[in-house]
Amino acid sequence: RVLKGITNFVSLCKTLSLTPPRFLSQKDLTSPLQFLSARKYIYLLRPYRNKNENFLKMWDGQEGSIYRTDNIDIIGLGYPGSTASKYIEKINDEMNELINNKVIGDRPIVCMLHTGINKFVTEAMGGLRENEIDPLLDKIHYLALGHIHNRYENPDKKYYNPGSIECVRITDNPFN
């Protein structure tokens, strides 16, 4: 599995006309996105995990969780894991603070969150209940989800999960 990951990573580097690193550390193996972000091919938006600092910070050219364009704010919320409920409460509090201080909120907000909604989760994979994301959905215009392999959406609630391009289980097949 690790070898396949390395092969895919090196292949991606070649596709993007990048020179793959000569020596891949364990950190590189777990985060090719950090490699691409460091070379300015992508903006890797993710919250800070330091207890003494806010999760949400503006993109500074190197790192951050909020990227502003002329027309939209894009906020990367990362992967909350099994602490999704507490995590989303903290994010919601910080977004309230940012909106009240007029840092964000003057243009549409799109959030990206690597979790699922538990009513669509077929296995014990964590996720959030819809009512847990309602306070967040009141502040944003669209929530892009991930983690769950099946496609689902709720246009009334403004969220969408595209599903996976690769099936892991037979139940991931969209034709089931």
N, C-alpha and C. Protein backbone atom coordinates (compact mmCIF):
# COMPACT_ATOMS: atom_id res chain seq x y z
N ARG A 1 0.82 -1.19 0.00
CA ARG A 1 0.00 0.00 0.00
C ARG A 1 0.87 1.26 0.00
N VAL A 2 1.92 1.26 0.82
CA VAL A 2 2.83 2.41 0.86
C VAL A 2 3.51 2.58 -0.49
N LEU A 3 3.94 1.45 -1.09
CA LEU A 3 4.60 1.50 -2.39
C LEU A 3 3.67 2.10 -3.44
N LYS A 4 2.38 1.71 -3.41
CA LYS A 4 1.41 2.26 -4.36
C LYS A 4 1.28 3.77 -4.14
N GLY A 5 1.25 4.19 -2.88
CA GLY A 5 1.17 5.62 -2.57
C GLY A 5 2.36 6.39 -3.11
N ILE A 6 3.57 5.83 -2.94
CA ILE A 6 4.78 6.47 -3.46
C ILE A 6 4.71 6.56 -4.98
N THR A 7 4.31 5.46 -5.61
CA THR A 7 4.22 5.42 -7.06
C THR A 7 3.23 6.46 -7.57
N ASN A 8 2.07 6.54 -6.94
CA ASN A 8 1.07 7.54 -7.34
C ASN A 8 1.59 8.96 -7.15
N PHE A 9 2.30 9.19 -6.04
CA PHE A 9 2.84 10.50 -5.74
C PHE A 9 3.89 10.91 -6.78
N VAL A 10 4.80 10.01 -7.10
CA VAL A 10 5.84 10.29 -8.10
C VAL A 10 5.19 10.52 -9.45
N SER A 11 4.18 9.74 -9.79
CA SER A 11 3.46 9.90 -11.05
C SER A 11 2.78 11.28 -11.12
N LEU A 12 2.18 11.71 -10.02
CA LEU A 12 1.55 13.02 -9.97
C LEU A 12 2.59 14.11 -10.17
N CYS A 13 3.74 13.98 -9.53
CA CYS A 13 4.81 14.97 -9.70
C CYS A 13 5.21 15.08 -11.16
N LYS A 14 5.36 13.95 -11.83
CA LYS A 14 5.75 13.96 -13.25
C LYS A 14 4.66 14.60 -14.10
N THR A 15 3.41 14.31 -13.81
CA THR A 15 2.29 14.89 -14.55
C THR A 15 2.31 16.41 -14.43
N LEU A 16 2.65 16.92 -13.27
CA LEU A 16 2.70 18.36 -13.02
C LEU A 16 4.06 18.97 -13.37
N SER A 17 4.92 18.18 -14.00
CA SER A 17 6.27 18.62 -14.36
C SER A 17 7.07 19.07 -13.15
N LEU A 18 6.89 18.37 -12.04
CA LEU A 18 7.66 18.62 -10.82
C LEU A 18 8.73 17.55 -10.69
N THR A 19 9.83 17.91 -10.09
CA THR A 19 10.83 16.93 -9.77
C THR A 19 10.48 16.31 -8.44
N PRO A 20 10.20 14.99 -8.41
CA PRO A 20 9.88 14.37 -7.13
C PRO A 20 11.07 14.49 -6.18
N PRO A 21 10.83 14.58 -4.88
CA PRO A 21 11.96 14.68 -3.95
C PRO A 21 12.80 13.41 -4.00
N ARG A 22 14.12 13.58 -3.85
CA ARG A 22 15.02 12.42 -3.88
C ARG A 22 14.78 11.51 -2.71
N PHE A 23 14.63 12.09 -1.56
CA PHE A 23 14.44 11.31 -0.35
C PHE A 23 13.06 11.63 0.20
N LEU A 24 12.23 10.64 0.31
CA LEU A 24 10.89 10.82 0.85
C LEU A 24 10.90 10.45 2.33
N SER A 25 10.59 11.41 3.17
CA SER A 25 10.50 11.11 4.59
C SER A 25 9.12 10.53 4.89
N GLN A 26 8.92 10.03 6.10
CA GLN A 26 7.61 9.52 6.48
C GLN A 26 6.56 10.62 6.36
N LYS A 27 6.94 11.85 6.70
CA LYS A 27 6.00 12.97 6.59
C LYS A 27 5.58 13.18 5.14
N ASP A 28 6.53 13.09 4.20
CA ASP A 28 6.20 13.23 2.79
C ASP A 28 5.24 12.13 2.34
N LEU A 29 5.43 10.92 2.86
CA LEU A 29 4.58 9.81 2.46
C LEU A 29 3.15 10.01 2.92
N THR A 30 2.97 10.69 4.04
CA THR A 30 1.61 10.87 4.54
C THR A 30 0.99 12.16 4.04
N SER A 31 1.75 13.03 3.41
CA SER A 31 1.16 14.29 2.98
C SER A 31 1.76 14.82 1.68
N PRO A 32 1.43 14.21 0.57
CA PRO A 32 1.85 14.79 -0.70
C PRO A 32 1.21 16.16 -0.92
N LEU A 33 0.09 16.43 -0.25
CA LEU A 33 -0.55 17.74 -0.37
C LEU A 33 0.35 18.83 0.20
N GLN A 34 1.07 18.53 1.28
CA GLN A 34 2.01 19.51 1.84
C GLN A 34 3.13 19.79 0.84
N PHE A 35 3.59 18.76 0.16
CA PHE A 35 4.63 18.91 -0.86
C PHE A 35 4.14 19.85 -1.96
N LEU A 36 2.91 19.62 -2.46
CA LEU A 36 2.36 20.46 -3.53
C LEU A 36 2.10 21.89 -3.05
N SER A 37 1.65 22.03 -1.82
CA SER A 37 1.39 23.35 -1.27
C SER A 37 2.69 24.14 -1.10
N ALA A 38 3.73 23.49 -0.63
CA ALA A 38 5.01 24.16 -0.44
C ALA A 38 5.58 24.68 -1.76
N ARG A 39 5.21 24.04 -2.86
CA ARG A 39 5.67 24.46 -4.19
C ARG A 39 4.65 25.33 -4.92
N LYS A 40 3.63 25.78 -4.17
CA LYS A 40 2.62 26.73 -4.65
C LYS A 40 1.75 26.19 -5.79
N TYR A 41 1.56 24.87 -5.83
CA TYR A 41 0.65 24.29 -6.82
C TYR A 41 -0.79 24.23 -6.31
N ILE A 42 -0.95 24.20 -5.00
CA ILE A 42 -2.28 24.20 -4.39
C ILE A 42 -2.22 25.06 -3.13
N TYR A 43 -3.38 25.46 -2.65
CA TYR A 43 -3.52 26.09 -1.34
C TYR A 43 -4.06 25.02 -0.41
N LEU A 44 -3.26 24.59 0.53
CA LEU A 44 -3.67 23.57 1.48
C LEU A 44 -4.31 24.27 2.68
N LEU A 45 -5.63 24.40 2.62
CA LEU A 45 -6.36 25.11 3.66
C LEU A 45 -6.72 24.16 4.78
N ARG A 46 -6.28 24.49 5.98
CA ARG A 46 -6.60 23.65 7.13
C ARG A 46 -6.44 24.45 8.42
N PRO A 47 -7.22 24.07 9.42
CA PRO A 47 -7.17 24.82 10.68
C PRO A 47 -5.93 24.48 11.51
N TYR A 48 -5.60 25.41 12.39
CA TYR A 48 -4.52 25.18 13.34
C TYR A 48 -5.04 24.31 14.46
N ARG A 49 -4.19 23.50 15.04
CA ARG A 49 -4.61 22.60 16.12
C ARG A 49 -4.01 22.98 17.46
N ASN A 50 -3.45 24.19 17.56
CA ASN A 50 -2.85 24.65 18.80
C ASN A 50 -3.95 25.12 19.75
N LYS A 51 -3.96 24.62 20.99
CA LYS A 51 -5.01 24.98 21.96
C LYS A 51 -5.04 26.47 22.27
N ASN A 52 -3.89 27.12 22.20
CA ASN A 52 -3.81 28.53 22.60
C ASN A 52 -4.11 29.50 21.46
N GLU A 53 -4.35 29.00 20.26
CA GLU A 53 -4.60 29.86 19.12
C GLU A 53 -5.93 29.51 18.48
N ASN A 54 -6.45 30.44 17.72
CA ASN A 54 -7.66 30.17 16.97
C ASN A 54 -7.40 29.11 15.91
N PHE A 55 -8.41 28.33 15.62
CA PHE A 55 -8.32 27.35 14.54
C PHE A 55 -8.23 28.04 13.19
N LEU A 56 -9.07 29.05 13.01
CA LEU A 56 -9.24 29.66 11.70
C LEU A 56 -8.36 30.90 11.55
N LYS A 57 -7.51 30.88 10.54
CA LYS A 57 -6.62 32.01 10.26
C LYS A 57 -6.60 32.25 8.76
N MET A 58 -6.36 33.51 8.39
CA MET A 58 -6.29 33.87 6.98
C MET A 58 -5.05 33.24 6.34
N TRP A 59 -5.18 32.87 5.08
CA TRP A 59 -4.06 32.34 4.30
C TRP A 59 -3.00 33.42 4.21
N ASP A 60 -1.76 33.10 4.58
CA ASP A 60 -0.69 34.10 4.57
C ASP A 60 0.31 33.87 3.43
N GLY A 61 -0.06 33.04 2.48
CA GLY A 61 0.85 32.72 1.38
C GLY A 61 1.58 31.41 1.60
N GLN A 62 1.59 30.93 2.84
CA GLN A 62 2.25 29.67 3.20
C GLN A 62 1.27 28.69 3.84
N GLU A 63 0.43 29.23 4.73
CA GLU A 63 -0.52 28.37 5.45
C GLU A 63 -1.69 29.20 5.94
N GLY A 64 -2.72 28.50 6.36
CA GLY A 64 -3.92 29.15 6.86
C GLY A 64 -5.14 28.31 6.53
N SER A 65 -6.29 28.75 6.97
CA SER A 65 -7.51 28.00 6.73
C SER A 65 -8.53 28.79 5.92
N ILE A 66 -8.34 30.10 5.78
CA ILE A 66 -9.29 30.94 5.05
C ILE A 66 -8.58 31.58 3.86
N TYR A 67 -9.10 31.32 2.67
CA TYR A 67 -8.56 31.94 1.45
C TYR A 67 -9.64 32.84 0.87
N ARG A 68 -9.28 34.10 0.66
CA ARG A 68 -10.24 35.08 0.13
C ARG A 68 -9.95 35.38 -1.33
N THR A 69 -11.00 35.41 -2.13
CA THR A 69 -10.90 35.93 -3.49
C THR A 69 -11.73 37.21 -3.51
N ASP A 70 -11.84 37.84 -4.67
CA ASP A 70 -12.66 39.04 -4.77
C ASP A 70 -14.13 38.74 -4.53
N ASN A 71 -14.54 37.48 -4.79
CA ASN A 71 -15.95 37.14 -4.77
C ASN A 71 -16.39 36.17 -3.68
N ILE A 72 -15.45 35.50 -3.03
CA ILE A 72 -15.83 34.40 -2.15
C ILE A 72 -14.77 34.15 -1.08
N ASP A 73 -15.19 33.64 0.06
CA ASP A 73 -14.26 33.15 1.09
C ASP A 73 -14.34 31.62 1.08
N ILE A 74 -13.19 30.97 1.02
CA ILE A 74 -13.13 29.51 1.05
C ILE A 74 -12.43 29.12 2.34
N ILE A 75 -13.08 28.27 3.13
CA ILE A 75 -12.54 27.90 4.43
C ILE A 75 -12.33 26.39 4.48
N GLY A 76 -11.09 25.97 4.69
CA GLY A 76 -10.76 24.56 4.86
C GLY A 76 -10.82 24.19 6.33
N LEU A 77 -11.71 23.26 6.66
CA LEU A 77 -11.91 22.89 8.06
C LEU A 77 -11.23 21.58 8.44
N GLY A 78 -10.62 20.89 7.49
CA GLY A 78 -9.85 19.69 7.81
C GLY A 78 -10.68 18.49 8.21
N TYR A 79 -10.03 17.55 8.88
CA TYR A 79 -10.62 16.29 9.31
C TYR A 79 -10.77 16.28 10.82
N PRO A 80 -12.00 16.28 11.34
CA PRO A 80 -12.18 16.33 12.79
C PRO A 80 -12.06 14.98 13.49
N GLY A 81 -12.12 13.88 12.75
CA GLY A 81 -12.02 12.57 13.37
C GLY A 81 -13.18 12.30 14.31
N SER A 82 -12.89 11.59 15.38
CA SER A 82 -13.94 11.19 16.32
C SER A 82 -14.42 12.34 17.20
N THR A 83 -13.75 13.49 17.13
CA THR A 83 -14.14 14.63 17.95
C THR A 83 -15.00 15.61 17.15
N ALA A 84 -15.67 15.14 16.12
CA ALA A 84 -16.39 16.03 15.20
C ALA A 84 -17.36 16.96 15.89
N SER A 85 -18.12 16.47 16.85
CA SER A 85 -19.12 17.31 17.53
C SER A 85 -18.48 18.49 18.25
N LYS A 86 -17.46 18.23 19.05
CA LYS A 86 -16.76 19.30 19.78
C LYS A 86 -16.04 20.24 18.80
N TYR A 87 -15.45 19.65 17.79
CA TYR A 87 -14.70 20.39 16.78
C TYR A 87 -15.61 21.40 16.08
N ILE A 88 -16.78 20.96 15.68
CA ILE A 88 -17.68 21.84 14.94
C ILE A 88 -18.20 22.97 15.85
N GLU A 89 -18.34 22.71 17.15
CA GLU A 89 -18.72 23.77 18.09
C GLU A 89 -17.64 24.86 18.13
N LYS A 90 -16.38 24.44 18.21
CA LYS A 90 -15.26 25.40 18.24
C LYS A 90 -15.20 26.20 16.94
N ILE A 91 -15.35 25.52 15.81
CA ILE A 91 -15.35 26.19 14.51
C ILE A 91 -16.49 27.21 14.45
N ASN A 92 -17.66 26.81 14.90
CA ASN A 92 -18.82 27.70 14.88
C ASN A 92 -18.57 28.95 15.73
N ASP A 93 -18.01 28.78 16.93
CA ASP A 93 -17.69 29.92 17.80
C ASP A 93 -16.69 30.86 17.12
N GLU A 94 -15.67 30.29 16.50
CA GLU A 94 -14.66 31.12 15.83
C GLU A 94 -15.24 31.85 14.62
N MET A 95 -16.12 31.17 13.89
CA MET A 95 -16.75 31.84 12.75
C MET A 95 -17.62 33.00 13.22
N ASN A 96 -18.34 32.82 14.32
CA ASN A 96 -19.12 33.93 14.89
C ASN A 96 -18.22 35.12 15.18
N GLU A 97 -17.08 34.85 15.80
CA GLU A 97 -16.13 35.91 16.14
C GLU A 97 -15.61 36.61 14.89
N LEU A 98 -15.25 35.83 13.86
CA LEU A 98 -14.73 36.40 12.61
C LEU A 98 -15.80 37.24 11.90
N ILE A 99 -17.04 36.77 11.92
CA ILE A 99 -18.13 37.52 11.29
C ILE A 99 -18.42 38.80 12.08
N ASN A 100 -18.47 38.70 13.40
CA ASN A 100 -18.72 39.88 14.24
C ASN A 100 -17.62 40.93 14.09
N ASN A 101 -16.37 40.49 13.88
CA ASN A 101 -15.25 41.41 13.69
C ASN A 101 -15.06 41.81 12.23
N LYS A 102 -15.99 41.39 11.38
CA LYS A 102 -16.01 41.73 9.95
C LYS A 102 -14.77 41.26 9.20
N VAL A 103 -14.18 40.16 9.67
CA VAL A 103 -13.05 39.54 8.96
C VAL A 103 -13.57 38.74 7.77
N ILE A 104 -14.70 38.05 7.96
CA ILE A 104 -15.39 37.33 6.89
C ILE A 104 -16.87 37.69 6.97
N GLY A 105 -17.60 37.26 5.96
CA GLY A 105 -19.05 37.46 5.98
C GLY A 105 -19.55 38.52 5.02
N ASP A 106 -18.64 39.25 4.36
CA ASP A 106 -19.06 40.27 3.40
C ASP A 106 -19.19 39.70 1.98
N ARG A 107 -18.98 38.42 1.83
CA ARG A 107 -19.11 37.71 0.55
C ARG A 107 -19.52 36.28 0.86
N PRO A 108 -19.97 35.53 -0.14
CA PRO A 108 -20.36 34.13 0.12
C PRO A 108 -19.22 33.32 0.73
N ILE A 109 -19.59 32.37 1.58
CA ILE A 109 -18.61 31.51 2.26
C ILE A 109 -18.85 30.06 1.85
N VAL A 110 -17.78 29.42 1.40
CA VAL A 110 -17.79 27.99 1.10
C VAL A 110 -16.85 27.32 2.10
N CYS A 111 -17.35 26.28 2.77
CA CYS A 111 -16.51 25.52 3.70
C CYS A 111 -16.28 24.12 3.16
N MET A 112 -15.10 23.59 3.43
CA MET A 112 -14.76 22.21 3.08
C MET A 112 -14.46 21.48 4.38
N LEU A 113 -15.15 20.37 4.60
CA LEU A 113 -15.02 19.63 5.85
C LEU A 113 -14.90 18.14 5.54
N HIS A 114 -13.84 17.53 6.02
CA HIS A 114 -13.57 16.11 5.76
C HIS A 114 -14.29 15.26 6.80
N THR A 115 -15.60 15.16 6.65
CA THR A 115 -16.41 14.29 7.50
C THR A 115 -17.71 13.99 6.76
N GLY A 116 -18.52 13.16 7.36
CA GLY A 116 -19.80 12.82 6.76
C GLY A 116 -20.94 13.14 7.70
N ILE A 117 -22.14 13.06 7.16
CA ILE A 117 -23.36 13.21 7.96
C ILE A 117 -23.79 11.81 8.35
N ASN A 118 -23.98 11.58 9.64
CA ASN A 118 -24.10 10.21 10.13
C ASN A 118 -25.29 9.44 9.57
N LYS A 119 -26.34 10.10 9.12
CA LYS A 119 -27.46 9.33 8.57
C LYS A 119 -27.12 8.70 7.22
N PHE A 120 -26.00 9.13 6.62
CA PHE A 120 -25.55 8.53 5.36
C PHE A 120 -24.39 7.55 5.57
N VAL A 121 -23.90 7.47 6.78
CA VAL A 121 -22.76 6.61 7.09
C VAL A 121 -23.27 5.19 7.32
N THR A 122 -22.72 4.25 6.55
CA THR A 122 -23.20 2.87 6.65
C THR A 122 -22.43 2.06 7.69
N GLU A 123 -21.32 2.56 8.14
CA GLU A 123 -20.50 1.86 9.12
C GLU A 123 -20.15 2.84 10.24
N ALA A 124 -19.53 2.36 11.27
CA ALA A 124 -19.14 3.22 12.40
C ALA A 124 -17.95 4.07 11.99
N MET A 125 -18.20 5.07 11.15
CA MET A 125 -17.12 5.91 10.63
C MET A 125 -17.18 7.33 11.18
N GLY A 126 -17.92 7.53 12.25
CA GLY A 126 -18.01 8.87 12.81
C GLY A 126 -18.97 9.72 12.01
N GLY A 127 -18.75 10.98 12.02
CA GLY A 127 -19.61 11.90 11.31
C GLY A 127 -20.39 12.78 12.26
N LEU A 128 -21.17 13.66 11.69
CA LEU A 128 -21.96 14.62 12.45
C LEU A 128 -23.44 14.40 12.19
N ARG A 129 -24.25 14.71 13.18
CA ARG A 129 -25.69 14.73 12.95
C ARG A 129 -26.03 16.05 12.26
N GLU A 130 -27.07 16.03 11.46
CA GLU A 130 -27.45 17.26 10.74
C GLU A 130 -27.67 18.43 11.68
N ASN A 131 -28.30 18.19 12.82
CA ASN A 131 -28.56 19.30 13.73
C ASN A 131 -27.27 19.89 14.30
N GLU A 132 -26.17 19.13 14.28
CA GLU A 132 -24.89 19.65 14.77
C GLU A 132 -24.26 20.63 13.79
N ILE A 133 -24.59 20.51 12.51
CA ILE A 133 -24.01 21.45 11.54
C ILE A 133 -24.95 22.61 11.23
N ASP A 134 -26.18 22.57 11.72
CA ASP A 134 -27.13 23.65 11.44
C ASP A 134 -26.60 25.04 11.79
N PRO A 135 -25.98 25.25 12.97
CA PRO A 135 -25.45 26.60 13.26
C PRO A 135 -24.40 27.05 12.25
N LEU A 136 -23.58 26.12 11.79
CA LEU A 136 -22.58 26.45 10.77
C LEU A 136 -23.25 26.77 9.44
N LEU A 137 -24.26 25.98 9.06
CA LEU A 137 -24.95 26.18 7.79
C LEU A 137 -25.69 27.52 7.74
N ASP A 138 -26.03 28.06 8.90
CA ASP A 138 -26.68 29.37 8.95
C ASP A 138 -25.73 30.49 8.53
N LYS A 139 -24.42 30.26 8.62
CA LYS A 139 -23.43 31.29 8.33
C LYS A 139 -22.83 31.18 6.93
N ILE A 140 -22.94 30.01 6.32
CA ILE A 140 -22.24 29.76 5.06
C ILE A 140 -23.24 29.53 3.93
N HIS A 141 -22.70 29.52 2.73
CA HIS A 141 -23.54 29.33 1.55
C HIS A 141 -23.46 27.91 0.99
N TYR A 142 -22.39 27.20 1.35
CA TYR A 142 -22.22 25.85 0.80
C TYR A 142 -21.21 25.10 1.66
N LEU A 143 -21.50 23.82 1.91
CA LEU A 143 -20.59 22.97 2.67
C LEU A 143 -20.21 21.77 1.81
N ALA A 144 -18.94 21.68 1.47
CA ALA A 144 -18.41 20.55 0.70
C ALA A 144 -17.89 19.51 1.69
N LEU A 145 -18.44 18.31 1.63
CA LEU A 145 -18.07 17.24 2.55
C LEU A 145 -17.18 16.21 1.87
N GLY A 146 -16.59 15.33 2.66
CA GLY A 146 -15.77 14.25 2.16
C GLY A 146 -15.76 13.12 3.16
N HIS A 147 -14.89 12.16 2.98
CA HIS A 147 -14.67 11.04 3.89
C HIS A 147 -15.56 9.83 3.58
N ILE A 148 -16.84 10.04 3.31
CA ILE A 148 -17.75 8.94 3.04
C ILE A 148 -17.72 8.66 1.53
N HIS A 149 -17.64 7.41 1.15
CA HIS A 149 -17.44 7.05 -0.25
C HIS A 149 -18.69 7.15 -1.10
N ASN A 150 -19.86 7.17 -0.49
CA ASN A 150 -21.09 7.27 -1.26
C ASN A 150 -21.46 8.73 -1.49
N ARG A 151 -22.04 9.00 -2.65
CA ARG A 151 -22.48 10.34 -2.99
C ARG A 151 -23.81 10.63 -2.28
N TYR A 152 -23.93 11.81 -1.71
CA TYR A 152 -25.20 12.26 -1.15
C TYR A 152 -25.20 13.78 -1.08
N GLU A 153 -26.40 14.34 -1.02
CA GLU A 153 -26.54 15.78 -0.93
C GLU A 153 -27.85 16.13 -0.25
N ASN A 154 -27.90 17.34 0.21
CA ASN A 154 -29.13 17.90 0.75
C ASN A 154 -29.15 19.37 0.35
N PRO A 155 -29.74 19.68 -0.81
CA PRO A 155 -29.74 21.08 -1.28
C PRO A 155 -30.40 22.04 -0.29
N ASP A 156 -31.42 21.56 0.45
CA ASP A 156 -32.08 22.43 1.43
C ASP A 156 -31.13 22.82 2.56
N LYS A 157 -30.23 21.91 2.89
CA LYS A 157 -29.27 22.17 3.97
C LYS A 157 -27.95 22.73 3.44
N LYS A 158 -27.79 22.80 2.13
CA LYS A 158 -26.62 23.38 1.48
C LYS A 158 -25.35 22.54 1.65
N TYR A 159 -25.46 21.22 1.68
CA TYR A 159 -24.25 20.42 1.71
C TYR A 159 -24.28 19.35 0.62
N TYR A 160 -23.06 18.90 0.26
CA TYR A 160 -22.90 17.92 -0.81
C TYR A 160 -21.66 17.08 -0.51
N ASN A 161 -21.77 15.80 -0.74
CA ASN A 161 -20.64 14.88 -0.64
C ASN A 161 -20.54 14.17 -1.99
N PRO A 162 -19.45 14.37 -2.73
CA PRO A 162 -19.37 13.80 -4.07
C PRO A 162 -19.15 12.30 -4.11
N GLY A 163 -18.75 11.72 -3.00
CA GLY A 163 -18.39 10.30 -3.01
C GLY A 163 -16.97 10.12 -3.49
N SER A 164 -16.57 8.89 -3.62
CA SER A 164 -15.20 8.58 -4.00
C SER A 164 -15.13 8.18 -5.47
N ILE A 165 -14.02 8.48 -6.10
CA ILE A 165 -13.83 8.03 -7.47
C ILE A 165 -13.40 6.56 -7.52
N GLU A 166 -13.01 6.02 -6.37
CA GLU A 166 -12.63 4.61 -6.27
C GLU A 166 -13.52 3.93 -5.25
N CYS A 167 -14.01 2.76 -5.61
CA CYS A 167 -14.82 1.97 -4.67
C CYS A 167 -13.89 1.17 -3.75
N VAL A 168 -14.21 1.17 -2.48
CA VAL A 168 -13.45 0.40 -1.50
C VAL A 168 -14.25 -0.84 -1.11
N ARG A 169 -15.56 -0.68 -1.04
CA ARG A 169 -16.46 -1.78 -0.70
C ARG A 169 -17.49 -1.94 -1.82
N ILE A 170 -18.11 -3.09 -1.91
CA ILE A 170 -19.12 -3.32 -2.93
C ILE A 170 -20.28 -2.34 -2.77
N THR A 171 -20.54 -1.90 -1.54
CA THR A 171 -21.64 -0.96 -1.29
C THR A 171 -21.32 0.45 -1.78
N ASP A 172 -20.06 0.72 -2.14
CA ASP A 172 -19.70 2.03 -2.67
C ASP A 172 -20.13 2.21 -4.12
N ASN A 173 -20.48 1.12 -4.76
CA ASN A 173 -20.87 1.17 -6.17
C ASN A 173 -22.15 2.00 -6.32
N PRO A 174 -22.12 3.05 -7.18
CA PRO A 174 -23.29 3.91 -7.32
C PRO A 174 -24.48 3.20 -7.97
N PHE A 175 -24.26 2.03 -8.55
CA PHE A 175 -25.34 1.32 -9.24
C PHE A 175 -26.07 0.35 -8.32
N ASN A 176 -25.65 0.26 -7.04
CA ASN A 176 -26.35 -0.61 -6.09
C ASN A 176 -27.68 0.00 -5.71
